[in-house]
N, C-alpha and C. Protein backbone atom coordinates (compact mmCIF):
# COMPACT_ATOMS: atom_id res chain seq x y z
N MET A 1 7.31 15.59 -6.71
CA MET A 1 6.19 15.53 -7.51
C MET A 1 6.23 16.00 -8.71
N SER A 2 5.72 15.39 -9.79
CA SER A 2 6.20 15.88 -11.23
C SER A 2 4.85 16.58 -11.67
N ASP A 3 5.28 17.71 -12.39
CA ASP A 3 4.23 18.65 -12.97
C ASP A 3 3.72 18.17 -14.34
N GLN A 4 4.31 17.02 -14.86
CA GLN A 4 3.79 16.38 -16.07
C GLN A 4 2.70 15.53 -15.68
N GLN A 5 1.71 15.56 -16.46
CA GLN A 5 0.55 14.60 -16.52
C GLN A 5 1.03 13.32 -17.12
N LYS A 6 0.42 12.22 -16.70
CA LYS A 6 0.74 10.99 -17.10
C LYS A 6 -0.20 10.81 -18.50
N PRO A 7 -0.04 9.66 -19.27
CA PRO A 7 -0.63 9.50 -20.37
C PRO A 7 -2.29 9.19 -20.04
N ILE A 8 -3.18 9.45 -20.72
CA ILE A 8 -4.49 9.21 -20.45
C ILE A 8 -4.82 7.52 -20.68
N VAL A 9 -5.33 7.21 -19.69
CA VAL A 9 -5.49 5.60 -20.03
C VAL A 9 -7.26 5.28 -20.19
N SER A 10 -7.53 4.12 -20.87
CA SER A 10 -8.99 3.73 -20.93
C SER A 10 -9.45 3.38 -19.78
N TYR A 11 -10.74 3.37 -19.66
CA TYR A 11 -11.48 2.86 -18.48
C TYR A 11 -11.00 1.32 -18.19
N GLN A 12 -11.11 0.60 -19.46
CA GLN A 12 -10.67 -0.73 -19.57
C GLN A 12 -9.27 -1.11 -18.85
N GLU A 13 -8.30 -0.23 -19.10
CA GLU A 13 -6.81 -0.42 -18.57
C GLU A 13 -6.93 -0.07 -17.20
N PHE A 14 -7.61 0.89 -16.68
CA PHE A 14 -7.80 1.28 -15.22
C PHE A 14 -8.56 0.18 -14.54
N ALA A 15 -9.51 -0.23 -15.16
CA ALA A 15 -10.21 -1.62 -14.36
C ALA A 15 -9.37 -2.75 -14.20
N LYS A 16 -8.30 -2.91 -14.80
CA LYS A 16 -7.47 -4.12 -14.52
C LYS A 16 -6.97 -4.17 -13.14
N LEU A 17 -6.74 -2.74 -12.65
CA LEU A 17 -6.16 -2.73 -11.23
C LEU A 17 -7.22 -3.13 -10.16
N ASP A 18 -6.81 -4.07 -9.25
CA ASP A 18 -7.56 -4.53 -8.28
C ASP A 18 -7.29 -3.63 -6.99
N LEU A 19 -8.15 -2.69 -6.54
CA LEU A 19 -7.80 -1.92 -5.48
C LEU A 19 -8.80 -2.20 -4.32
N ARG A 20 -8.20 -2.49 -3.09
CA ARG A 20 -8.74 -3.01 -2.06
C ARG A 20 -8.57 -2.31 -0.51
N VAL A 21 -9.40 -2.52 0.27
CA VAL A 21 -9.10 -1.92 1.57
C VAL A 21 -8.37 -2.96 2.32
N GLY A 22 -7.33 -2.72 2.91
CA GLY A 22 -6.66 -3.62 3.71
C GLY A 22 -6.24 -2.85 5.06
N LEU A 23 -6.27 -3.85 6.18
CA LEU A 23 -6.17 -3.55 7.58
C LEU A 23 -4.55 -4.05 7.86
N VAL A 24 -3.64 -3.09 8.42
CA VAL A 24 -2.34 -3.19 8.74
C VAL A 24 -2.34 -3.94 10.13
N VAL A 25 -1.88 -5.30 10.22
CA VAL A 25 -2.17 -6.03 11.31
C VAL A 25 -0.52 -6.26 12.04
N GLU A 26 0.51 -5.96 11.26
CA GLU A 26 1.71 -6.05 11.73
C GLU A 26 2.75 -5.13 10.74
N ALA A 27 3.50 -4.44 11.49
CA ALA A 27 4.45 -3.44 10.84
C ALA A 27 5.62 -3.21 11.50
N GLU A 28 6.79 -3.46 10.69
CA GLU A 28 8.07 -3.35 11.27
C GLU A 28 9.06 -3.01 10.40
N ILE A 29 10.23 -2.53 10.92
CA ILE A 29 11.26 -2.00 10.19
C ILE A 29 12.24 -3.24 9.93
N PRO A 30 12.59 -3.92 9.11
CA PRO A 30 13.33 -4.91 8.92
C PRO A 30 14.94 -4.60 9.22
N SER A 31 15.70 -5.51 9.97
CA SER A 31 17.05 -5.06 10.36
C SER A 31 17.99 -4.87 8.96
N TRP A 32 17.45 -5.43 7.95
CA TRP A 32 18.29 -5.40 6.36
C TRP A 32 17.86 -4.21 5.81
N SER A 33 17.10 -3.25 6.27
CA SER A 33 16.51 -2.25 5.32
C SER A 33 16.74 -0.75 5.95
N ASN A 34 17.08 0.14 5.12
CA ASN A 34 17.15 1.65 5.50
C ASN A 34 15.91 2.43 5.21
N SER A 35 15.20 1.84 4.37
CA SER A 35 13.96 2.67 4.07
C SER A 35 12.64 1.94 3.99
N LEU A 36 12.57 0.71 4.02
CA LEU A 36 11.21 0.07 4.22
C LEU A 36 10.62 -0.23 5.35
N ILE A 37 9.26 -0.13 5.37
CA ILE A 37 8.37 -0.66 6.48
C ILE A 37 7.72 -2.03 5.88
N LYS A 38 7.91 -3.17 6.57
CA LYS A 38 7.34 -4.34 6.19
C LYS A 38 6.00 -4.60 6.96
N MET A 39 5.06 -4.99 6.13
CA MET A 39 3.55 -4.91 6.77
C MET A 39 3.04 -6.28 6.45
N LYS A 40 2.16 -6.79 7.45
CA LYS A 40 1.14 -7.94 7.23
C LYS A 40 -0.09 -7.34 7.00
N ILE A 41 -0.69 -7.43 5.67
CA ILE A 41 -2.13 -6.84 5.61
C ILE A 41 -3.22 -7.83 5.51
N ASP A 42 -4.22 -7.64 6.35
CA ASP A 42 -5.37 -8.37 6.35
C ASP A 42 -6.33 -7.86 5.14
N PHE A 43 -6.74 -8.90 4.15
CA PHE A 43 -7.57 -8.36 3.06
C PHE A 43 -8.98 -9.18 3.17
N GLY A 44 -9.33 -9.69 4.39
CA GLY A 44 -10.34 -10.46 4.41
C GLY A 44 -10.32 -11.94 4.07
N GLU A 45 -11.30 -12.69 3.87
CA GLU A 45 -11.63 -13.90 3.41
C GLU A 45 -11.16 -14.32 2.11
N GLU A 46 -11.55 -13.35 1.17
CA GLU A 46 -11.27 -13.70 -0.23
C GLU A 46 -9.74 -13.67 -0.52
N ILE A 47 -9.08 -12.63 -0.13
CA ILE A 47 -7.63 -12.54 -0.51
C ILE A 47 -6.74 -13.05 0.70
N GLY A 48 -7.15 -12.92 1.83
CA GLY A 48 -6.43 -13.20 2.97
C GLY A 48 -5.36 -12.38 3.32
N MET A 49 -4.15 -12.95 4.04
CA MET A 49 -3.16 -12.00 4.49
C MET A 49 -2.05 -11.87 3.25
N ARG A 50 -1.45 -10.90 3.33
CA ARG A 50 -0.32 -10.63 2.44
C ARG A 50 0.67 -9.79 3.09
N THR A 51 1.91 -9.91 2.55
CA THR A 51 3.14 -9.16 2.89
C THR A 51 3.21 -8.03 1.88
N ILE A 52 3.32 -6.74 2.60
CA ILE A 52 3.51 -5.64 1.51
C ILE A 52 4.54 -4.57 2.21
N CYS A 53 5.57 -4.28 1.04
CA CYS A 53 6.52 -3.46 1.78
C CYS A 53 6.55 -2.14 1.22
N ALA A 54 6.72 -1.05 1.92
CA ALA A 54 6.54 0.35 1.49
C ALA A 54 7.79 1.24 1.92
N GLY A 55 8.35 1.97 1.01
CA GLY A 55 9.45 2.60 1.20
C GLY A 55 9.32 3.94 1.91
N VAL A 56 8.62 3.99 3.15
CA VAL A 56 8.17 5.10 3.93
C VAL A 56 8.82 5.32 5.22
N LYS A 57 9.95 4.54 5.61
CA LYS A 57 10.47 4.63 6.81
C LYS A 57 10.82 6.11 7.25
N GLU A 58 11.43 6.65 6.21
CA GLU A 58 12.02 8.23 6.58
C GLU A 58 10.86 9.26 6.98
N HIS A 59 9.52 8.90 6.73
CA HIS A 59 8.43 9.52 6.93
C HIS A 59 7.45 9.06 8.15
N TYR A 60 7.30 7.72 8.30
CA TYR A 60 6.65 6.90 9.16
C TYR A 60 7.27 6.05 10.00
N ALA A 61 6.69 6.01 11.23
CA ALA A 61 7.08 4.89 12.08
C ALA A 61 6.04 3.78 11.99
N PRO A 62 6.26 2.34 12.04
CA PRO A 62 5.68 1.39 12.06
C PRO A 62 4.23 1.69 12.79
N GLU A 63 4.35 2.11 13.96
CA GLU A 63 3.15 2.31 14.63
C GLU A 63 2.17 3.35 14.14
N ASP A 64 2.57 4.38 13.22
CA ASP A 64 1.66 5.11 12.32
C ASP A 64 0.69 4.47 11.34
N LEU A 65 1.24 3.23 10.98
CA LEU A 65 0.45 2.49 10.00
C LEU A 65 -0.44 1.28 10.90
N LEU A 66 0.06 0.78 11.91
CA LEU A 66 -0.58 -0.46 12.51
C LEU A 66 -2.17 -0.11 13.04
N ASN A 67 -2.92 -1.22 12.79
CA ASN A 67 -4.28 -1.06 13.02
C ASN A 67 -5.08 -0.13 12.37
N ARG A 68 -4.68 0.33 11.18
CA ARG A 68 -5.34 1.26 10.36
C ARG A 68 -5.55 0.77 9.03
N LYS A 69 -6.74 1.21 8.24
CA LYS A 69 -6.99 0.60 6.86
C LYS A 69 -6.56 1.63 5.96
N PHE A 70 -5.98 1.00 4.90
CA PHE A 70 -5.57 1.86 3.77
C PHE A 70 -5.86 1.27 2.56
N ALA A 71 -5.66 2.06 1.37
CA ALA A 71 -6.00 1.45 -0.06
C ALA A 71 -4.68 0.78 -0.47
N PHE A 72 -4.92 -0.34 -1.12
CA PHE A 72 -3.79 -1.08 -1.80
C PHE A 72 -4.17 -1.58 -3.02
N VAL A 73 -3.19 -1.71 -3.84
CA VAL A 73 -3.34 -2.63 -5.10
C VAL A 73 -2.80 -3.86 -4.93
N VAL A 74 -3.72 -4.93 -5.34
CA VAL A 74 -3.52 -6.31 -4.85
C VAL A 74 -3.14 -7.30 -5.98
N ASN A 75 -3.25 -6.61 -7.27
CA ASN A 75 -2.98 -7.45 -8.41
C ASN A 75 -1.69 -7.11 -9.08
N LEU A 76 -0.70 -6.44 -8.27
CA LEU A 76 0.57 -6.21 -9.04
C LEU A 76 1.37 -7.43 -9.01
N ALA A 77 2.44 -7.82 -9.88
CA ALA A 77 3.16 -8.82 -9.82
C ALA A 77 4.05 -8.62 -8.65
N GLU A 78 4.28 -9.75 -7.87
CA GLU A 78 5.24 -9.60 -6.77
C GLU A 78 6.68 -8.99 -6.79
N LYS A 79 7.20 -8.44 -6.09
CA LYS A 79 8.41 -7.69 -6.19
C LYS A 79 9.31 -7.86 -5.07
N GLN A 80 10.53 -8.35 -5.26
CA GLN A 80 11.53 -8.44 -4.48
C GLN A 80 11.98 -7.23 -3.82
N MET A 81 11.94 -6.90 -2.58
CA MET A 81 12.43 -5.79 -1.97
C MET A 81 13.42 -6.04 -0.86
N GLY A 82 14.56 -5.96 -1.06
CA GLY A 82 15.53 -6.54 -0.10
C GLY A 82 15.45 -7.88 -0.03
N LYS A 83 15.15 -8.49 1.23
CA LYS A 83 14.94 -9.78 1.68
C LYS A 83 13.67 -10.40 1.58
N ALA A 84 12.75 -9.34 1.48
CA ALA A 84 11.13 -9.49 1.44
C ALA A 84 10.68 -9.63 0.19
N VAL A 85 9.43 -10.20 -0.13
CA VAL A 85 8.78 -10.21 -1.46
C VAL A 85 7.39 -9.34 -1.15
N SER A 86 7.47 -8.19 -1.86
CA SER A 86 6.20 -7.54 -1.50
C SER A 86 5.03 -7.88 -2.55
N GLN A 87 3.78 -8.18 -2.02
CA GLN A 87 2.62 -8.80 -2.65
C GLN A 87 1.81 -7.84 -3.16
N GLY A 88 1.94 -6.83 -3.34
CA GLY A 88 0.99 -5.44 -3.76
C GLY A 88 1.59 -4.16 -3.22
N MET A 89 0.86 -3.11 -3.33
CA MET A 89 1.41 -1.77 -3.20
C MET A 89 0.25 -1.01 -2.49
N MET A 90 0.87 -0.34 -1.41
CA MET A 90 0.08 0.76 -0.66
C MET A 90 0.02 1.92 -1.43
N LEU A 91 -1.22 2.62 -1.66
CA LEU A 91 -1.45 3.81 -2.20
C LEU A 91 -1.21 4.84 -1.20
N MET A 92 -0.36 5.99 -1.79
CA MET A 92 -0.16 7.20 -0.95
C MET A 92 -0.07 8.44 -1.99
N ALA A 93 -0.44 9.41 -1.19
CA ALA A 93 -0.43 10.90 -1.93
C ALA A 93 1.03 11.36 -1.91
N VAL A 94 1.36 12.18 -2.72
CA VAL A 94 2.83 12.80 -2.90
C VAL A 94 2.76 14.07 -2.76
N ASP A 95 3.48 14.75 -1.69
CA ASP A 95 3.33 16.33 -1.90
C ASP A 95 4.27 16.98 -2.71
N GLU A 96 4.56 18.28 -2.84
CA GLU A 96 5.42 18.87 -3.66
C GLU A 96 6.89 18.73 -3.32
N ASP A 97 7.18 18.12 -2.22
CA ASP A 97 8.57 17.63 -1.64
C ASP A 97 8.69 16.25 -1.84
N ASP A 98 7.92 15.48 -2.57
CA ASP A 98 8.03 14.04 -2.62
C ASP A 98 7.82 13.34 -1.39
N ARG A 99 7.11 13.86 -0.45
CA ARG A 99 6.90 13.33 0.81
C ARG A 99 5.52 12.54 0.75
N PRO A 100 5.80 10.96 1.10
CA PRO A 100 4.20 10.44 0.91
C PRO A 100 3.56 10.72 2.03
N ILE A 101 2.41 10.75 1.77
CA ILE A 101 1.20 11.17 2.68
C ILE A 101 0.12 9.91 2.90
N LYS A 102 0.02 9.62 3.88
CA LYS A 102 -1.05 8.47 4.29
C LYS A 102 -2.32 8.68 3.65
N ILE A 103 -2.95 7.69 3.08
CA ILE A 103 -4.39 7.67 2.82
C ILE A 103 -5.12 6.96 3.59
N GLU A 104 -5.82 7.25 4.65
CA GLU A 104 -6.61 6.34 5.42
C GLU A 104 -8.04 6.11 4.75
N VAL A 105 -8.37 4.96 5.18
CA VAL A 105 -9.96 4.61 4.67
C VAL A 105 -10.78 4.53 5.97
N SER A 106 -11.90 4.74 5.65
CA SER A 106 -12.92 5.15 6.76
C SER A 106 -13.04 3.74 7.51
N GLU A 107 -13.21 3.77 8.62
CA GLU A 107 -13.50 2.68 9.49
C GLU A 107 -14.71 1.85 9.14
N ASP A 108 -15.68 2.58 8.27
CA ASP A 108 -16.84 1.88 7.75
C ASP A 108 -16.59 0.89 6.67
N ALA A 109 -15.35 1.13 5.94
CA ALA A 109 -15.21 0.32 4.93
C ALA A 109 -14.79 -1.22 5.44
N PRO A 110 -15.41 -2.17 4.91
CA PRO A 110 -15.12 -3.47 5.37
C PRO A 110 -13.68 -3.82 4.67
N VAL A 111 -12.68 -4.62 5.49
CA VAL A 111 -11.46 -5.21 5.04
C VAL A 111 -11.85 -6.11 3.90
N GLY A 112 -10.92 -5.75 2.85
CA GLY A 112 -10.92 -6.59 1.78
C GLY A 112 -12.06 -6.20 0.52
N CYS A 113 -12.81 -5.01 0.80
CA CYS A 113 -13.69 -4.48 -0.24
C CYS A 113 -13.22 -3.92 -1.08
N THR A 114 -13.60 -3.73 -2.54
CA THR A 114 -13.25 -3.18 -3.65
C THR A 114 -13.21 -1.63 -3.40
N ILE A 115 -12.13 -0.85 -4.02
CA ILE A 115 -12.06 0.53 -4.15
C ILE A 115 -12.42 0.68 -5.77
N CYS A 116 -13.35 1.59 -5.96
CA CYS A 116 -13.49 1.82 -7.46
C CYS A 116 -13.77 3.32 -7.53
């Protein structure tokens, strides 16, 4: 975790991010990866299903993520991660040891709803 603060951004810059609630419906460790968990995320009717990869294998098992709701950025450019293309990013907290910490979303939040 960095002690340096990041630059201040305007509200208009922040508002460009599309943050949504997603439900992890599939999660697996690909045979070709040493660090990734590849997930299928349900974002509801408007966005549909997306593949998102997260480099959290060292800290979580796929079953720790399966059938749970998390916050995601859904309008990042697609990124090749090993043999998969990630179509967004899962948001996590990071502790002082750079360990990713899951940020679960309440069951009351509908799949696909906007986070602001």
